[in-house]
Protein backbone atom coordinates (compact mmCIF):
# COMPACT_ATOMS: atom_id res chain seq x y z
CA MET A 1 20.16 -34.88 -22.21
CA THR A 2 22.66 -32.06 -22.82
CA THR A 3 21.83 -28.87 -24.68
CA LYS A 4 24.64 -26.83 -26.24
CA TYR A 5 24.30 -23.07 -26.69
CA PRO A 6 25.98 -20.92 -29.37
CA ASP A 7 28.39 -19.42 -26.81
CA GLY A 8 29.75 -22.94 -26.14
CA SER A 9 28.13 -23.44 -22.75
CA GLN A 10 26.19 -26.61 -21.99
CA VAL A 11 23.17 -27.33 -19.84
CA SER A 12 22.17 -30.80 -18.63
CA GLU A 13 18.57 -31.64 -17.84
CA ALA A 14 18.00 -33.76 -14.78
CA PHE A 15 15.34 -34.71 -12.27
CA LEU A 16 15.20 -33.61 -8.66
CA ASN A 17 12.85 -35.09 -6.10
CA PHE A 18 11.66 -32.54 -3.54
CA ASP A 19 10.95 -34.26 -0.20
CA GLY A 20 9.54 -37.46 -1.67
CA GLY A 21 7.09 -35.64 -3.92
CA PRO A 22 6.87 -35.89 -7.67
CA SER A 23 10.06 -35.40 -9.67
CA VAL A 24 10.54 -31.93 -11.08
CA LYS A 25 12.59 -31.39 -14.23
CA TYR A 26 15.23 -28.68 -14.00
CA ALA A 27 18.34 -27.63 -15.89
CA VAL A 28 21.78 -27.12 -14.36
CA PRO A 29 24.72 -25.74 -16.36
CA ASN A 30 27.62 -28.22 -16.28
CA HIS A 31 30.16 -25.60 -15.22
CA VAL A 32 28.10 -24.26 -12.29
CA PRO A 33 28.79 -26.01 -8.96
CA LEU A 34 25.74 -27.53 -7.30
CA ALA A 35 27.59 -27.23 -3.99
CA HIS A 36 30.93 -25.89 -2.75
CA LEU A 37 31.86 -26.66 0.84
CA VAL A 38 34.93 -25.85 2.93
CA ILE A 39 35.53 -27.79 6.13
CA TYR A 40 38.23 -26.10 8.24
CA GLY A 41 40.54 -27.99 10.59
CA GLU A 42 43.06 -30.79 10.23
CA PRO A 43 41.56 -33.42 7.89
CA VAL A 44 40.93 -36.91 9.29
CA PRO A 45 40.69 -39.97 7.03
CA ALA A 46 38.09 -42.70 7.37
CA GLY A 47 39.42 -45.36 9.70
CA ARG A 48 39.00 -49.08 9.26
CA PRO A 49 35.73 -50.30 10.74
CA ARG A 50 35.95 -52.12 14.07
CA PHE A 51 33.80 -55.08 15.04
CA THR A 52 32.15 -56.07 18.29
CA ARG A 53 32.17 -59.64 19.51
CA GLN A 54 28.65 -59.98 18.16
CA GLY A 55 29.91 -58.99 14.69
CA HIS A 56 28.50 -55.45 14.50
CA ALA A 57 30.73 -52.96 12.68
CA PHE A 58 31.36 -49.41 13.88
CA ASP A 59 33.65 -46.51 12.94
CA PRO A 60 36.61 -45.64 15.16
CA LYS A 61 35.88 -42.66 17.46
CA ARG A 62 38.23 -40.25 15.66
CA SER A 63 36.61 -40.95 12.26
CA ARG A 64 33.11 -40.85 13.73
CA ASP A 65 33.74 -37.47 15.38
CA TYR A 66 35.23 -35.95 12.23
CA LYS A 67 32.39 -37.31 10.09
CA LYS A 68 29.95 -35.59 12.46
CA LEU A 69 31.92 -32.32 12.19
CA VAL A 70 31.87 -32.52 8.36
CA SER A 71 28.12 -33.24 8.36
CA GLU A 72 27.41 -30.29 10.67
CA ALA A 73 29.63 -27.92 8.65
CA ALA A 74 27.96 -29.05 5.41
CA ALA A 75 24.48 -28.52 6.87
CA LEU A 76 25.44 -24.95 7.78
CA GLN A 77 26.94 -24.21 4.34
CA TYR A 78 24.60 -26.08 1.97
CA HIS A 79 21.02 -24.84 1.76
CA GLY A 80 19.97 -26.40 -1.54
CA GLU A 81 17.65 -29.31 -2.14
CA LEU A 82 18.86 -32.85 -1.52
CA LEU A 83 20.38 -33.95 -4.86
CA HIS A 84 18.58 -36.91 -6.36
CA GLY A 85 18.42 -38.62 -9.74
CA ILE A 86 21.39 -36.92 -11.42
CA PRO A 87 24.95 -38.12 -11.93
CA LEU A 88 27.37 -36.15 -9.77
CA LYS A 89 31.03 -35.23 -10.13
CA VAL A 90 32.76 -34.65 -6.79
CA ASP A 91 36.12 -32.89 -6.52
CA VAL A 92 37.79 -33.11 -3.10
CA LYS A 93 40.94 -31.18 -2.19
CA VAL A 94 42.59 -32.09 1.10
CA TYR A 95 44.96 -29.50 2.58
CA ARG A 96 47.22 -30.82 5.35
CA HIS A 97 49.65 -29.02 7.66
CA VAL A 98 53.32 -28.98 6.72
CA GLN A 99 55.34 -30.94 9.30
CA SER A 100 57.39 -28.68 11.57
CA SER A 101 60.46 -30.94 11.22
CA VAL A 102 61.18 -29.99 7.58
CA SER A 103 63.65 -27.32 6.46
CA LYS A 104 62.53 -23.85 5.38
CA ALA A 105 63.38 -24.66 1.76
CA GLU A 106 61.36 -27.89 1.85
CA ARG A 107 58.50 -26.07 3.57
CA GLU A 108 58.36 -23.55 0.70
CA ARG A 109 58.41 -26.37 -1.88
CA ARG A 110 55.48 -28.02 -0.10
CA LEU A 111 53.46 -24.82 0.23
CA SER A 112 53.98 -24.03 -3.48
CA SER A 113 52.75 -27.57 -4.38
CA GLU A 114 56.13 -28.40 -5.91
CA HIS A 115 56.14 -31.29 -3.41
CA ARG A 116 52.84 -32.96 -2.63
CA PRO A 117 51.97 -35.36 0.23
CA ILE A 118 52.86 -38.90 -0.83
CA VAL A 119 52.57 -40.33 2.66
CA LYS A 120 49.69 -42.08 4.41
CA PRO A 121 46.78 -41.71 4.70
CA ASP A 122 45.60 -42.39 1.17
CA ALA A 123 43.45 -39.84 -0.65
CA SER A 124 40.75 -42.51 -1.00
CA ASN A 125 40.35 -42.67 2.79
CA TYR A 126 39.59 -38.94 2.93
CA LEU A 127 37.20 -39.32 0.00
CA LYS A 128 35.25 -42.15 1.63
CA LEU A 129 34.72 -40.14 4.82
CA ILE A 130 33.46 -37.15 2.80
CA GLU A 131 31.11 -39.33 0.72
CA ASP A 132 29.60 -40.84 3.86
CA ALA A 133 29.38 -37.54 5.77
CA LEU A 134 27.54 -35.71 2.97
CA THR A 135 25.01 -38.47 2.31
CA GLY A 136 21.59 -37.21 3.37
CA ILE A 137 22.81 -33.58 3.48
CA VAL A 138 23.98 -32.78 -0.06
CA TRP A 139 23.04 -35.95 -1.97
CA GLU A 140 20.48 -38.65 -1.29
CA ASP A 141 22.96 -41.50 -1.68
CA ASP A 142 26.63 -41.64 -2.65
CA ASN A 143 25.76 -44.03 -5.49
CA LEU A 144 24.83 -40.86 -7.45
CA ILE A 145 28.55 -40.05 -7.66
CA THR A 146 29.86 -41.14 -11.05
CA ASP A 147 33.06 -39.08 -11.28
CA VAL A 148 35.51 -38.28 -8.47
CA SER A 149 38.83 -36.57 -8.07
CA CYS A 150 40.70 -36.24 -4.82
CA GLY A 151 44.02 -34.50 -4.29
CA LYS A 152 46.26 -33.99 -1.27
CA TYR A 153 48.11 -30.70 -0.78
CA TYR A 154 50.07 -28.90 1.93
CA SER A 155 48.86 -25.64 3.44
CA ASP A 156 49.19 -23.45 6.53
CA ASP A 157 45.39 -23.46 6.61
CA PRO A 158 44.34 -27.14 6.90
CA ARG A 159 40.92 -27.86 5.43
CA ILE A 160 38.95 -29.95 2.97
CA GLU A 161 37.26 -28.33 -0.03
CA VAL A 162 34.44 -30.18 -1.76
CA THR A 163 32.93 -29.12 -5.08
CA VAL A 164 29.91 -30.95 -6.49
CA THR A 165 28.89 -30.48 -10.13
CA ASN A 166 26.63 -32.21 -12.61
CA ALA A 167 28.57 -35.06 -14.28
CA SER A 168 26.43 -35.06 -17.45
């Protein structure tokens, strides 16, 4: 249910479950982020799962290590309740280093976002790693995510920025 106020702002009512107890009704303005996280360092995409001879799947070491780093950084930055029972909108911005082999002019175009990364890895691979890493820390399950946006950019300060808002 969404309530509109005379000033044009909106508030969505949702349910939040505190540590398995009864659901508590609360209101969250749609424009207010429920969480904003910044994970510094060169972003790593989710790798393809590997399989043992017995058929068990596991993440490649590089992906597993980065997922752990994202989870630990999120736990240090996010101190709210575990989100539960509300539709979430997740906006992910991935900032990658500019390659050192490009010209100064091309470097400036990339840093000004005139040219964006259109090379592998795909934005969806970064998104999947973030969804998995934040499950159990920010949200109860990534099936709560109804709206996503993920963009790749160049920067001298590589990082991933995640903003979570109410999708209602």
